[in-house]
C-alpha atoms as a PDB file:
ATOM      1  CA  MET A   1       0.153  -0.071  -0.006  1.00  0.00           C
ATOM      2  CA  SER A   2       2.865   2.484   0.878  1.00  0.00           C
ATOM      3  CA  ALA A   3       4.149   2.129  -2.629  1.00  0.00           C
ATOM      4  CA  LEU A   4       1.017   4.053  -3.621  1.00  0.00           C
ATOM      5  CA  PHE A   5       2.371   7.062  -1.869  1.00  0.00           C
ATOM      6  CA  ILE A   6       5.653   7.207  -2.585  1.00  0.00           C
ATOM      7  CA  SER A   7       5.045  10.183  -5.089  1.00  0.00           C
ATOM      8  CA  ALA A   8       3.335  11.971  -2.676  1.00  0.00           C
ATOM      9  CA  LEU A   9       5.580  11.611   0.070  1.00  0.00           C
ATOM     10  CA  ALA A  10       8.122  13.210  -2.680  1.00  0.00           C
ATOM     11  CA  ALA A  11       5.680  15.945  -3.630  1.00  0.00           C
ATOM     12  CA  SER A  12       5.169  16.613   0.195  1.00  0.00           C
ATOM     13  CA  ALA A  13       8.944  17.500   0.723  1.00  0.00           C
ATOM     14  CA  GLU A  14       9.029  19.686  -2.472  1.00  0.00           C
ATOM     15  CA  ALA A  15       5.772  21.449  -1.646  1.00  0.00           C
ATOM     16  CA  ALA A  16       5.947  22.069   2.122  1.00  0.00           C
ATOM     17  CA  SER A  17       9.912  21.487   3.198  1.00  0.00           C
ATOM     18  CA  THR A  18      10.713  25.170   2.782  1.00  0.00           C
ATOM     19  CA  GLN A  19       8.028  26.611   5.212  1.00  0.00           C
ATOM     20  CA  HIS A  20       8.894  27.313   8.942  1.00  0.00           C
ATOM     21  CA  TYR A  21       8.184  24.699  11.397  1.00  0.00           C
ATOM     22  CA  PRO A  22       9.042  26.147  14.876  1.00  0.00           C
ATOM     23  CA  GLN A  23      10.318  23.886  17.446  1.00  0.00           C
ATOM     24  CA  GLY A  24       8.596  23.105  20.703  1.00  0.00           C
ATOM     25  CA  THR A  25       5.288  23.296  18.783  1.00  0.00           C
ATOM     26  CA  LEU A  26       2.179  21.251  18.928  1.00  0.00           C
ATOM     27  CA  TYR A  27       0.680  20.440  15.106  1.00  0.00           C
ATOM     28  CA  VAL A  28      -2.859  19.864  14.888  1.00  0.00           C
ATOM     29  CA  VAL A  29      -3.335  17.454  11.898  1.00  0.00           C
ATOM     30  CA  ALA A  30      -6.640  16.660  10.460  1.00  0.00           C
ATOM     31  CA  THR A  31      -6.492  13.081   8.531  1.00  0.00           C
ATOM     32  CA  PRO A  32      -8.777  11.488   6.116  1.00  0.00           C
ATOM     33  CA  ILE A  33     -12.361  10.570   6.992  1.00  0.00           C
ATOM     34  CA  GLY A  34     -11.933   7.418   5.178  1.00  0.00           C
ATOM     35  CA  ASN A  35     -10.411   7.783   1.759  1.00  0.00           C
ATOM     36  CA  LEU A  36      -6.465   7.881   2.499  1.00  0.00           C
ATOM     37  CA  ALA A  37      -5.899   9.941  -0.792  1.00  0.00           C
ATOM     38  CA  ASP A  38      -7.452  12.802   1.031  1.00  0.00           C
ATOM     39  CA  ILE A  39      -4.590  13.675   3.141  1.00  0.00           C
ATOM     40  CA  SER A  40      -2.756  17.088   2.335  1.00  0.00           C
ATOM     41  CA  LEU A  41       0.877  17.442   1.260  1.00  0.00           C
ATOM     42  CA  ARG A  42       1.625  19.276   4.430  1.00  0.00           C
ATOM     43  CA  ALA A  43       0.031  16.861   6.866  1.00  0.00           C
ATOM     44  CA  LEU A  44       2.217  14.203   5.147  1.00  0.00           C
ATOM     45  CA  TYR A  45       5.342  15.977   5.509  1.00  0.00           C
ATOM     46  CA  VAL A  46       4.841  16.991   8.986  1.00  0.00           C
ATOM     47  CA  LEU A  47       3.889  13.262  10.146  1.00  0.00           C
ATOM     48  CA  LYS A  48       7.127  12.603   8.526  1.00  0.00           C
ATOM     49  CA  MET A  49       9.256  15.280  10.438  1.00  0.00           C
ATOM     50  CA  VAL A  50       7.962  15.415  13.681  1.00  0.00           C
ATOM     51  CA  ASP A  51       9.662  14.006  16.766  1.00  0.00           C
ATOM     52  CA  ALA A  52       6.710  12.335  18.184  1.00  0.00           C
ATOM     53  CA  ILE A  53       2.863  11.934  17.523  1.00  0.00           C
ATOM     54  CA  ALA A  54       0.132  11.971  19.793  1.00  0.00           C
ATOM     55  CA  CYS A  55      -2.744  10.042  18.707  1.00  0.00           C
ATOM     56  CA  GLU A  56      -6.260   8.838  19.764  1.00  0.00           C
ATOM     57  CA  ASP A  57      -5.536   4.861  18.726  1.00  0.00           C
ATOM     58  CA  THR A  58      -1.911   4.207  18.495  1.00  0.00           C
ATOM     59  CA  ARG A  59      -2.810   0.962  16.272  1.00  0.00           C
ATOM     60  CA  HIS A  60      -4.739   2.618  14.167  1.00  0.00           C
ATOM     61  CA  THR A  61      -2.424   5.636  13.467  1.00  0.00           C
ATOM     62  CA  GLN A  62       0.441   3.237  12.865  1.00  0.00           C
ATOM     63  CA  SER A  63      -1.615   1.423  10.253  1.00  0.00           C
ATOM     64  CA  MET A  64      -1.896   4.843   8.650  1.00  0.00           C
ATOM     65  CA  LEU A  65       1.230   5.900   8.519  1.00  0.00           C
ATOM     66  CA  ARG A  66       2.688   2.815   7.496  1.00  0.00           C
ATOM     67  CA  ALA A  67       0.042   2.880   4.499  1.00  0.00           C
ATOM     68  CA  TYR A  68       1.813   6.399   3.445  1.00  0.00           C
ATOM     69  CA  GLY A  69       5.176   5.022   4.099  1.00  0.00           C
ATOM     70  CA  ILE A  70       6.134   6.837   7.057  1.00  0.00           C
ATOM     71  CA  ASP A  71       8.232   4.874   9.678  1.00  0.00           C
ATOM     72  CA  LYS A  72       7.785   5.753  13.382  1.00  0.00           C
ATOM     73  CA  SER A  73       8.682   3.610  16.121  1.00  0.00           C
ATOM     74  CA  ALA A  74       6.333   2.864  18.944  1.00  0.00           C
ATOM     75  CA  GLY A  75       8.177   4.620  21.273  1.00  0.00           C
ATOM     76  CA  GLN A  76       7.449   7.833  19.127  1.00  0.00           C
ATOM     77  CA  LEU A  77       3.650   7.668  19.355  1.00  0.00           C
ATOM     78  CA  ILE A  78       1.880   8.973  22.234  1.00  0.00           C
ATOM     79  CA  ALA A  79      -1.826   7.606  23.404  1.00  0.00           C
ATOM     80  CA  VAL A  80      -4.005  10.496  23.664  1.00  0.00           C
ATOM     81  CA  HIS A  81      -7.739   9.714  24.047  1.00  0.00           C
ATOM     82  CA  GLN A  82     -11.097  10.543  25.833  1.00  0.00           C
ATOM     83  CA  HIS A  83     -10.235   8.601  28.651  1.00  0.00           C
ATOM     84  CA  ASN A  84      -6.623   9.852  29.326  1.00  0.00           C
ATOM     85  CA  GLU A  85      -6.321  13.218  27.556  1.00  0.00           C
ATOM     86  CA  SER A  86      -5.758  15.534  30.649  1.00  0.00           C
ATOM     87  CA  GLN A  87      -3.302  13.138  31.946  1.00  0.00           C
ATOM     88  CA  ALA A  88      -1.456  12.584  28.834  1.00  0.00           C
ATOM     89  CA  ALA A  89      -1.109  16.260  28.017  1.00  0.00           C
ATOM     90  CA  HIS A  90       1.232  16.393  30.533  1.00  0.00           C
ATOM     91  CA  THR A  91       3.458  13.894  28.562  1.00  0.00           C
ATOM     92  CA  VAL A  92       3.087  15.821  25.381  1.00  0.00           C
ATOM     93  CA  ILE A  93       3.948  19.087  27.088  1.00  0.00           C
ATOM     94  CA  ASP A  94       7.074  17.556  28.626  1.00  0.00           C
ATOM     95  CA  HIS A  95       8.335  16.819  24.839  1.00  0.00           C
ATOM     96  CA  LEU A  96       7.299  20.619  23.570  1.00  0.00           C
ATOM     97  CA  ARG A  97       9.512  21.915  26.666  1.00  0.00           C
ATOM     98  CA  GLN A  98      12.488  19.755  25.293  1.00  0.00           C
ATOM     99  CA  GLY A  99      11.867  21.539  21.987  1.00  0.00           C
ATOM    100  CA  GLN A 100      10.357  18.841  20.170  1.00  0.00           C
ATOM    101  CA  ARG A 101       7.777  19.022  17.389  1.00  0.00           C
ATOM    102  CA  VAL A 102       4.757  16.974  18.327  1.00  0.00           C
ATOM    103  CA  ALA A 103       1.728  16.293  15.851  1.00  0.00           C
ATOM    104  CA  TYR A 104      -1.773  15.353  17.254  1.00  0.00           C
ATOM    105  CA  VAL A 105      -4.022  13.110  15.055  1.00  0.00           C
ATOM    106  CA  SER A 106      -7.522  11.690  16.028  1.00  0.00           C
ATOM    107  CA  ASP A 107      -8.885   8.475  14.202  1.00  0.00           C
ATOM    108  CA  ALA A 108     -10.298  10.463  11.487  1.00  0.00           C
ATOM    109  CA  GLY A 109     -10.920  13.914  10.348  1.00  0.00           C
ATOM    110  CA  THR A 110     -10.125  17.199  12.398  1.00  0.00           C
ATOM    111  CA  PRO A 111      -9.070  16.667  15.803  1.00  0.00           C
ATOM    112  CA  GLY A 112     -11.367  18.484  18.665  1.00  0.00           C
ATOM    113  CA  ILE A 113     -14.365  18.207  16.575  1.00  0.00           C
ATOM    114  CA  SER A 114     -16.181  15.772  18.314  1.00  0.00           C
ATOM    115  CA  ASP A 115     -12.807  14.000  18.828  1.00  0.00           C
ATOM    116  CA  PRO A 116     -10.204  14.137  21.234  1.00  0.00           C
ATOM    117  CA  GLY A 117      -7.819  16.942  21.135  1.00  0.00           C
ATOM    118  CA  ALA A 118      -9.721  20.105  22.569  1.00  0.00           C
ATOM    119  CA  ARG A 119      -8.427  19.404  26.158  1.00  0.00           C
ATOM    120  CA  LEU A 120      -4.867  18.693  24.752  1.00  0.00           C
ATOM    121  CA  VAL A 121      -4.747  21.869  22.904  1.00  0.00           C
ATOM    122  CA  ALA A 122      -6.347  23.984  25.963  1.00  0.00           C
ATOM    123  CA  ALA A 123      -3.395  22.199  28.209  1.00  0.00           C
ATOM    124  CA  VAL A 124      -0.934  23.280  25.717  1.00  0.00           C
ATOM    125  CA  HIS A 125      -2.352  26.947  25.943  1.00  0.00           C
ATOM    126  CA  GLY A 126      -2.100  26.993  29.245  1.00  0.00           C
ATOM    127  CA  GLN A 127       1.408  26.554  29.447  1.00  0.00           C
ATOM    128  CA  LYS A 128       1.891  29.217  26.729  1.00  0.00           C
ATOM    129  CA  LEU A 129       3.598  26.611  24.162  1.00  0.00           C
ATOM    130  CA  ARG A 130       2.361  27.058  20.483  1.00  0.00           C
ATOM    131  CA  THR A 131      -0.191  25.208  18.456  1.00  0.00           C
ATOM    132  CA  ILE A 132      -0.240  24.932  14.737  1.00  0.00           C
ATOM    133  CA  PRO A 133      -3.435  23.595  12.838  1.00  0.00           C
ATOM    134  CA  LEU A 134      -3.177  21.724   9.809  1.00  0.00           C
ATOM    135  CA  PRO A 135      -6.666  21.848   7.969  1.00  0.00           C
ATOM    136  CA  GLY A 136      -8.127  18.934   6.062  1.00  0.00           C
ATOM    137  CA  PRO A 137     -10.881  16.423   6.006  1.00  0.00           C
ATOM    138  CA  SER A 138     -13.763  16.821   8.283  1.00  0.00           C
ATOM    139  CA  SER A 139     -17.235  15.078   7.960  1.00  0.00           C
ATOM    140  CA  VAL A 140     -19.118  18.092   8.972  1.00  0.00           C
ATOM    141  CA  THR A 141     -17.825  20.524   6.077  1.00  0.00           C
ATOM    142  CA  THR A 142     -17.807  17.483   3.757  1.00  0.00           C
ATOM    143  CA  LEU A 143     -21.623  16.930   3.987  1.00  0.00           C
ATOM    144  CA  LEU A 144     -22.526  20.582   4.143  1.00  0.00           C
ATOM    145  CA  SER A 145     -21.012  21.125   0.978  1.00  0.00           C
ATOM    146  CA  VAL A 146     -23.482  18.639  -0.953  1.00  0.00           C
ATOM    147  CA  ALA A 147     -26.647  19.257   1.196  1.00  0.00           C
ATOM    148  CA  GLY A 148     -27.573  21.824  -1.362  1.00  0.00           C
ATOM    149  CA  LEU A 149     -28.144  24.673   1.139  1.00  0.00           C
ATOM    150  CA  THR A 150     -28.905  27.869  -0.634  1.00  0.00           C
ATOM    151  CA  GLU A 151     -28.265  31.688   0.228  1.00  0.00           C
ATOM    152  CA  ASP A 152     -32.048  32.369   0.796  1.00  0.00           C
ATOM    153  CA  GLN A 153     -32.284  30.265   3.456  1.00  0.00           C
ATOM    154  CA  PRO A 154     -31.123  31.406   6.951  1.00  0.00           C
ATOM    155  CA  GLY A 155     -27.287  31.985   6.997  1.00  0.00           C
ATOM    156  CA  GLY A 156     -24.686  29.803   9.105  1.00  0.00           C
ATOM    157  CA  PHE A 157     -25.149  26.398  10.865  1.00  0.00           C
ATOM    158  CA  VAL A 158     -24.870  24.977  14.384  1.00  0.00           C
ATOM    159  CA  PHE A 159     -22.704  21.834  15.296  1.00  0.00           C
ATOM    160  CA  SER A 160     -24.433  19.669  17.648  1.00  0.00           C
ATOM    161  CA  GLY A 161     -22.650  16.443  17.553  1.00  0.00           C
ATOM    162  CA  PHE A 162     -23.975  13.536  18.801  1.00  0.00           C
ATOM    163  CA  LEU A 163     -27.465  13.427  20.434  1.00  0.00           C
ATOM    164  CA  PRO A 164     -27.866  11.989  23.959  1.00  0.00           C
ATOM    165  CA  THR A 165     -27.911   8.033  24.396  1.00  0.00           C
ATOM    166  CA  LYS A 166     -31.042   7.992  26.859  1.00  0.00           C
ATOM    167  CA  ALA A 167     -34.200   8.068  24.821  1.00  0.00           C
ATOM    168  CA  THR A 168     -35.735  10.696  27.070  1.00  0.00           C
ATOM    169  CA  GLU A 169     -32.722  13.275  26.750  1.00  0.00           C
ATOM    170  CA  ARG A 170     -32.641  12.340  23.353  1.00  0.00           C
ATOM    171  CA  GLU A 171     -36.078  13.602  22.586  1.00  0.00           C
ATOM    172  CA  ARG A 172     -35.654  16.910  24.544  1.00  0.00           C
ATOM    173  CA  ALA A 173     -32.612  17.471  22.463  1.00  0.00           C
ATOM    174  CA  VAL A 174     -34.461  17.125  19.347  1.00  0.00           C
ATOM    175  CA  LEU A 175     -37.219  19.420  20.839  1.00  0.00           C
ATOM    176  CA  ALA A 176     -34.667  22.092  21.569  1.00  0.00           C
ATOM    177  CA  LEU A 177     -33.056  21.773  17.974  1.00  0.00           C
ATOM    178  CA  SER A 178     -36.697  22.330  16.664  1.00  0.00           C
ATOM    179  CA  THR A 179     -36.609  26.131  17.492  1.00  0.00           C
ATOM    180  CA  GLU A 180     -33.125  26.501  15.582  1.00  0.00           C
ATOM    181  CA  THR A 181     -33.919  28.047  12.189  1.00  0.00           C
ATOM    182  CA  ARG A 182     -30.299  27.766  11.071  1.00  0.00           C
ATOM    183  CA  ALA A 183     -28.879  24.160   9.414  1.00  0.00           C
ATOM    184  CA  ILE A 184     -27.833  21.930  12.278  1.00  0.00           C
ATOM    185  CA  VAL A 185     -25.254  19.051  11.859  1.00  0.00           C
ATOM    186  CA  LEU A 186     -25.229  15.976  13.801  1.00  0.00           C
ATOM    187  CA  LEU A 187     -22.959  12.875  13.960  1.00  0.00           C
ATOM    188  CA  GLU A 188     -24.047   9.303  14.854  1.00  0.00           C
ATOM    189  CA  ALA A 189     -23.032   5.682  15.204  1.00  0.00           C
ATOM    190  CA  PRO A 190     -24.169   2.812  13.475  1.00  0.00           C
ATOM    191  CA  HIS A 191     -25.554   1.488  16.721  1.00  0.00           C
ATOM    192  CA  ARG A 192     -27.619   4.356  17.167  1.00  0.00           C
ATOM    193  CA  ILE A 193     -28.721   5.612  13.734  1.00  0.00           C
ATOM    194  CA  GLU A 194     -32.289   4.174  14.066  1.00  0.00           C
ATOM    195  CA  ALA A 195     -33.166   5.441  17.496  1.00  0.00           C
ATOM    196  CA  THR A 196     -31.985   8.967  16.271  1.00  0.00           C
ATOM    197  CA  ALA A 197     -33.881   8.859  13.069  1.00  0.00           C
ATOM    198  CA  LEU A 198     -36.925   7.998  15.181  1.00  0.00           C
ATOM    199  CA  ALA A 199     -36.442  10.851  17.246  1.00  0.00           C
ATOM    200  CA  LEU A 200     -36.093  13.229  14.305  1.00  0.00           C
ATOM    201  CA  THR A 201     -39.210  12.346  12.787  1.00  0.00           C
ATOM    202  CA  ALA A 202     -40.847  14.815  15.325  1.00  0.00           C
ATOM    203  CA  LEU A 203     -39.270  17.449  13.029  1.00  0.00           C
ATOM    204  CA  ASP A 204     -42.197  16.352  10.329  1.00  0.00           C
ATOM    205  CA  ASN A 205     -41.381  17.753   7.232  1.00  0.00           C
ATOM    206  CA  ARG A 206     -38.090  19.234   7.672  1.00  0.00           C
ATOM    207  CA  ALA A 207     -35.629  18.356   5.171  1.00  0.00           C
ATOM    208  CA  VAL A 208     -32.806  15.887   6.311  1.00  0.00           C
ATOM    209  CA  THR A 209     -29.524  15.261   4.423  1.00  0.00           C
ATOM    210  CA  VAL A 210     -27.775  12.129   5.460  1.00  0.00           C
ATOM    211  CA  GLY A 211     -24.120  11.217   4.513  1.00  0.00           C
ATOM    212  CA  ARG A 212     -23.121   7.771   5.069  1.00  0.00           C
ATOM    213  CA  GLU A 213     -19.564   6.340   4.953  1.00  0.00           C
ATOM    214  CA  LEU A 214     -18.245   9.631   3.449  1.00  0.00           C
ATOM    215  CA  THR A 215     -15.347   9.504   1.029  1.00  0.00           C
ATOM    216  CA  LYS A 216     -15.654   5.620   1.301  1.00  0.00           C
ATOM    217  CA  GLN A 217     -16.369   3.241  -1.289  1.00  0.00           C
ATOM    218  CA  PHE A 218     -20.151   2.766  -0.359  1.00  0.00           C
ATOM    219  CA  GLU A 219     -20.655   6.505   0.440  1.00  0.00           C
ATOM    220  CA  GLU A 220     -24.524   7.527   0.359  1.00  0.00           C
ATOM    221  CA  VAL A 221     -25.863  10.761   0.672  1.00  0.00           C
ATOM    222  CA  ALA A 222     -29.681  11.363   0.204  1.00  0.00           C
ATOM    223  CA  THR A 223     -32.074  14.139   1.359  1.00  0.00           C
ATOM    224  CA  VAL A 224     -35.256  13.165   2.752  1.00  0.00           C
ATOM    225  CA  SER A 225     -38.008  14.697   5.073  1.00  0.00           C
ATOM    226  CA  ALA A 226     -37.448  14.148   8.877  1.00  0.00           C
ATOM    227  CA  LYS A 227     -40.768  11.998   9.039  1.00  0.00           C
ATOM    228  CA  ASP A 228     -39.464   9.729   6.418  1.00  0.00           C
ATOM    229  CA  LEU A 229     -36.235   9.093   7.857  1.00  0.00           C
ATOM    230  CA  PRO A 230     -36.792   5.717   9.573  1.00  0.00           C
ATOM    231  CA  ASN A 231     -38.354   4.421   6.105  1.00  0.00           C
ATOM    232  CA  TRP A 232     -35.333   5.450   4.336  1.00  0.00           C
ATOM    233  CA  PHE A 233     -33.138   3.182   6.598  1.00  0.00           C
ATOM    234  CA  ALA A 234     -35.532   0.489   6.572  1.00  0.00           C
ATOM    235  CA  THR A 235     -35.507  -0.195   2.986  1.00  0.00           C
ATOM    236  CA  ASP A 236     -32.032  -1.126   3.007  1.00  0.00           C
ATOM    237  CA  ALA A 237     -30.289  -3.027   5.267  1.00  0.00           C
ATOM    238  CA  ASN A 238     -26.945  -1.632   4.213  1.00  0.00           C
ATOM    239  CA  ARG A 239     -28.088   1.787   5.171  1.00  0.00           C
ATOM    240  CA  LEU A 240     -27.512   1.068   8.751  1.00  0.00           C
ATOM    241  CA  ARG A 241     -23.815   0.543   8.619  1.00  0.00           C
ATOM    242  CA  GLY A 242     -21.093   3.013   8.832  1.00  0.00           C
ATOM    243  CA  GLU A 243     -20.521   6.345  10.022  1.00  0.00           C
ATOM    244  CA  PHE A 244     -23.128   9.424   9.819  1.00  0.00           C
ATOM    245  CA  ALA A 245     -23.074  12.738   9.536  1.00  0.00           C
ATOM    246  CA  ILE A 246     -26.746  14.464   9.393  1.00  0.00           C
ATOM    247  CA  VAL A 247     -27.623  18.050   8.234  1.00  0.00           C
ATOM    248  CA  LEU A 248     -31.074  19.103   9.473  1.00  0.00           C
ATOM    249  CA  HIS A 249     -31.889  21.915   6.655  1.00  0.00           C
ATOM    250  CA  PRO A 250     -32.726  25.396   7.836  1.00  0.00           C
ATOM    251  CA  ILE A 251     -36.380  26.356   8.172  1.00  0.00           C
ATOM    252  CA  ALA A 252     -38.197  29.469   7.048  1.00  0.00           C
ATOM    253  CA  VAL A 253     -38.212  32.063   9.647  1.00  0.00           C
ATOM    254  CA  THR A 254     -41.646  32.282  10.994  1.00  0.00           C
ATOM    255  CA  THR A 255     -43.779  35.129  12.999  1.00  0.00           C
ATOM    256  CA  GLU A 256     -43.232  34.487  16.833  1.00  0.00           C
ATOM    257  CA  ALA A 257     -47.099  33.505  17.141  1.00  0.00           C
ATOM    258  CA  THR A 258     -46.801  30.709  14.259  1.00  0.00           C
ATOM    259  CA  GLN A 259     -43.455  29.706  15.891  1.00  0.00           C
ATOM    260  CA  ASP A 260     -45.139  29.618  19.532  1.00  0.00           C
ATOM    261  CA  THR A 261     -47.557  27.058  17.916  1.00  0.00           C
ATOM    262  CA  ARG A 262     -45.246  24.613  16.240  1.00  0.00           C
ATOM    263  CA  ILE A 263     -43.377  24.231  19.482  1.00  0.00           C
ATOM    264  CA  LEU A 264     -46.811  23.579  21.125  1.00  0.00           C
ATOM    265  CA  LYS A 265     -47.613  21.288  18.436  1.00  0.00           C
ATOM    266  CA  LEU A 266     -44.482  19.339  18.897  1.00  0.00           C
ATOM    267  CA  LEU A 267     -45.079  18.746  22.336  1.00  0.00           C
ATOM    268  CA  LEU A 268     -48.340  17.624  21.957  1.00  0.00           C
ATOM    269  CA  GLU A 269     -47.074  14.891  20.073  1.00  0.00           C
ATOM    270  CA  GLN A 270     -45.113  13.695  22.961  1.00  0.00           C
ATOM    271  CA  LEU A 271     -46.732  14.703  26.321  1.00  0.00           C
ATOM    272  CA  PRO A 272     -50.113  15.390  27.613  1.00  0.00           C
ATOM    273  CA  LEU A 273     -51.834  18.444  26.825  1.00  0.00           C
ATOM    274  CA  LYS A 274     -51.388  20.077  30.459  1.00  0.00           C
ATOM    275  CA  THR A 275     -47.744  19.371  30.587  1.00  0.00           C
ATOM    276  CA  ALA A 276     -47.313  20.576  26.715  1.00  0.00           C
ATOM    277  CA  VAL A 277     -48.901  23.931  27.689  1.00  0.00           C
ATOM    278  CA  LYS A 278     -46.615  24.342  30.973  1.00  0.00           C
ATOM    279  CA  LEU A 279     -43.497  23.494  29.111  1.00  0.00           C
ATOM    280  CA  ALA A 280     -44.429  25.596  26.038  1.00  0.00           C
ATOM    281  CA  ALA A 281     -45.156  28.582  28.334  1.00  0.00           C
ATOM    282  CA  ASP A 282     -41.736  28.247  29.820  1.00  0.00           C
ATOM    283  CA  ILE A 283     -40.232  27.849  26.626  1.00  0.00           C
ATOM    284  CA  THR A 284     -41.740  30.989  24.793  1.00  0.00           C
ATOM    285  CA  GLY A 285     -42.736  32.861  27.891  1.00  0.00           C
ATOM    286  CA  GLU A 286     -46.425  33.193  26.252  1.00  0.00           C
ATOM    287  CA  PRO A 287     -49.512  33.020  29.159  1.00  0.00           C
ATOM    288  CA  ARG A 288     -50.556  29.574  29.578  1.00  0.00           C
ATOM    289  CA  ASN A 289     -54.292  30.281  29.119  1.00  0.00           C
ATOM    290  CA  ALA A 290     -53.645  31.362  25.524  1.00  0.00           C
ATOM    291  CA  LEU A 291     -51.679  28.569  24.882  1.00  0.00           C
ATOM    292  CA  TYR A 292     -54.230  26.135  26.311  1.00  0.00           C
ATOM    293  CA  GLU A 293     -56.817  27.418  23.758  1.00  0.00           C
ATOM    294  CA  ILE A 294     -54.231  26.865  21.116  1.00  0.00           C
ATOM    295  CA  ALA A 295     -53.833  23.420  22.428  1.00  0.00           C
ATOM    296  CA  LEU A 296     -57.292  22.527  22.610  1.00  0.00           C
ATOM    297  CA  ALA A 297     -57.851  23.807  19.063  1.00  0.00           C
ATOM    298  CA  LEU A 298     -54.920  21.733  17.717  1.00  0.00           C
ATOM    299  CA  LYS A 299     -56.482  18.584  19.431  1.00  0.00           C
ATOM    300  CA  ALA A 300     -59.774  19.567  18.057  1.00  0.00           C
ATOM    301  CA  ASP A 301     -58.168  19.416  14.425  1.00  0.00           C
ATOM    302  CA  LYS A 302     -56.137  16.383  14.956  1.00  0.00           C
ATOM    303  CA  PRO A 303     -57.662  13.464  13.105  1.00  0.00           C
ATOM    304  CA  ASP A 304     -58.568  10.542  15.047  1.00  0.00           C
END
């Protein structure tokens, strides 16, 4: 496999070697989310050049390095993952204080974005040491680029990462997201995607773009309504495999009264009338009596 990247390593040296790489610096390096060819020339050069590599999984990183033809000994790899990040940061800082260059990589994508790395960077900053980012692959921006969001929709996006694991907390999180008019990006694992799809049906007709196995051989991107999401997964068992990024499309800005009614309607689908009215009043600040009248009208209009 490494033979495929011999020319890439040579190109990385030619393209990046003349740049300045200060000592005693942590290099935060984005790595491919699936397709090994997505590595940048500067990332290849830095990974080969640094004195040590801090990484989420040493075995995974060693395999990636060998694929690129980069040789690092086991002693040059420092495990820094979600369970030891704060403690392992001290080891990295010791290397930096000795004037060494250290790279940090997560298992895939950009570190610190729903991956370890943020605590390490904060610790390095706390010691007045330098960090340099090397931009590259991210499932967040990858899916946003093909979601078809247009300029006439509310601008920007919100990154929410993974929804809570417990069903009740997940439903509350979706309810909170329902009031956000901007695009929202979520991530999900294969063993939880069905539960997340079911929770998102509360968003009814809101458009949802699903990205599965992004950049890999069986990559799939599709846009469906939130209410149809469980059925989309059910039609093909293969769609439950792999890692997922999800974009909830922006919603048209509504009047305050319409927004209050929409919140109340979502609550009524999950809760008894009085509880829904109380929560709607807490969320919107509107009088309970007025919301109660709206709730009764919504109940009356709902088909049996």
